[in-house]
Amino acid sequence: MKKTRRRFSREFKLEAVRQLASGTRLADVARALEVDAQVIRRWQEQVQRDPETAFPGNGRAPAEEAEVQRLRREVVQLRAERDFLKKAAAFFAKEAR
């Protein structure tokens, strides 16, 4: 039997973390929300690391990941340009002889 993966909204996750911050025990929050305690602990760690960008949602990468992807695309383009210039320099050097 295939088990489908549950998805939780950003608000749901933040509310779970708020309940922990208010002093409710992790086990009680997990039982009430029917979510594994480890998952809620992971959410809590994400909020502690960076509360502004925690839980970016589907298809929205954190700013650092977006920057890394942009730089990787730029590296590929620059390598192609460099290789083209190497070939052009070799071609013109051969013609000059």
Protein backbone atom coordinates (compact mmCIF):
# COMPACT_ATOMS: atom_id res chain seq x y z
CA MET A 1 0.00 0.00 0.00
CA LYS A 2 1.47 3.31 -1.10
CA LYS A 3 1.44 6.05 1.49
CA THR A 4 0.98 9.60 0.24
CA ARG A 5 3.16 12.32 1.62
CA ARG A 6 1.37 14.92 3.68
CA ARG A 7 2.00 18.60 2.97
CA PHE A 8 1.67 21.31 5.56
CA SER A 9 1.26 25.03 5.01
CA ARG A 10 3.72 27.56 6.36
CA GLU A 11 1.11 28.79 8.83
CA PHE A 12 0.53 25.27 10.15
CA LYS A 13 4.24 24.77 10.74
CA LEU A 14 4.66 28.15 12.42
CA GLU A 15 1.68 27.45 14.69
CA ALA A 16 3.23 24.14 15.74
CA VAL A 17 6.49 25.92 16.57
CA ARG A 18 4.57 28.65 18.47
CA GLN A 19 2.89 25.99 20.60
CA LEU A 20 6.33 24.66 21.54
CA ALA A 21 7.52 28.16 22.38
CA SER A 22 4.51 28.68 24.65
CA GLY A 23 5.68 25.80 26.81
CA THR A 24 3.62 22.90 25.49
CA ARG A 25 5.53 19.63 25.44
CA LEU A 26 6.74 18.35 22.08
CA ALA A 27 4.96 15.03 22.52
CA ASP A 28 1.66 16.80 23.26
CA VAL A 29 1.94 19.06 20.21
CA ALA A 30 2.84 16.10 17.99
CA ARG A 31 -0.08 14.06 19.27
CA ALA A 32 -2.57 16.93 18.93
CA LEU A 33 -1.47 17.76 15.38
CA GLU A 34 -0.96 14.10 14.38
CA VAL A 35 2.56 14.83 13.16
CA ASP A 36 5.73 12.98 14.12
CA ALA A 37 7.73 14.69 16.88
CA GLN A 38 10.92 14.61 14.79
CA VAL A 39 9.19 16.57 12.03
CA ILE A 40 8.08 19.26 14.47
CA ARG A 41 11.59 19.40 15.95
CA ARG A 42 12.99 19.93 12.43
CA TRP A 43 10.50 22.75 11.87
CA GLN A 44 11.58 24.33 15.14
CA GLU A 45 15.25 24.20 14.09
CA GLN A 46 14.44 25.82 10.74
CA VAL A 47 12.63 28.68 12.45
CA GLN A 48 15.50 29.15 14.91
CA ARG A 49 18.05 29.26 12.07
CA ASP A 50 16.22 31.87 10.01
CA PRO A 51 12.66 32.82 10.92
CA GLU A 52 12.19 35.06 7.87
CA THR A 53 12.92 32.45 5.21
CA ALA A 54 11.81 29.30 7.03
CA PHE A 55 9.40 27.19 4.97
CA PRO A 56 9.70 28.91 1.58
CA GLY A 57 7.05 26.65 0.03
CA ASN A 58 6.80 24.68 -3.18
CA GLY A 59 9.11 25.80 -5.93
CA ARG A 60 10.51 28.76 -4.02
CA ALA A 61 14.14 28.22 -3.13
CA PRO A 62 15.80 30.19 -0.35
CA ALA A 63 17.78 33.22 -1.51
CA GLU A 64 21.14 31.45 -1.18
CA GLU A 65 20.03 28.53 -3.35
CA ALA A 66 18.67 30.87 -6.00
CA GLU A 67 21.96 32.76 -6.04
CA VAL A 68 23.95 29.51 -6.35
CA GLN A 69 21.78 28.39 -9.29
CA ARG A 70 22.24 31.74 -11.02
CA LEU A 71 26.01 31.58 -10.54
CA ARG A 72 26.17 28.01 -11.87
CA ARG A 73 24.35 29.08 -15.04
CA GLU A 74 26.78 31.98 -15.40
CA VAL A 75 29.78 29.65 -14.99
CA VAL A 76 28.48 27.40 -17.78
CA GLN A 77 28.05 30.40 -20.09
CA LEU A 78 31.49 31.82 -19.27
CA ARG A 79 33.17 28.44 -19.89
CA ALA A 80 31.50 28.21 -23.29
CA GLU A 81 32.69 31.71 -24.16
CA ARG A 82 36.21 30.92 -22.96
CA ASP A 83 36.36 27.73 -25.03
CA PHE A 84 35.15 29.61 -28.10
CA LEU A 85 37.83 32.27 -27.65
CA LYS A 86 40.53 29.61 -27.25
CA LYS A 87 39.48 28.00 -30.53
CA ALA A 88 39.31 31.35 -32.29
CA ALA A 89 42.78 32.33 -31.04
CA ALA A 90 44.21 29.00 -32.21
CA PHE A 91 42.55 29.41 -35.62
CA PHE A 92 43.90 32.94 -36.15
CA ALA A 93 47.36 31.95 -34.90
CA LYS A 94 47.42 29.16 -37.47
CA GLU A 95 46.32 31.57 -40.24
CA ALA A 96 49.05 34.08 -39.34
CA ARG A 97 51.85 31.60 -40.07
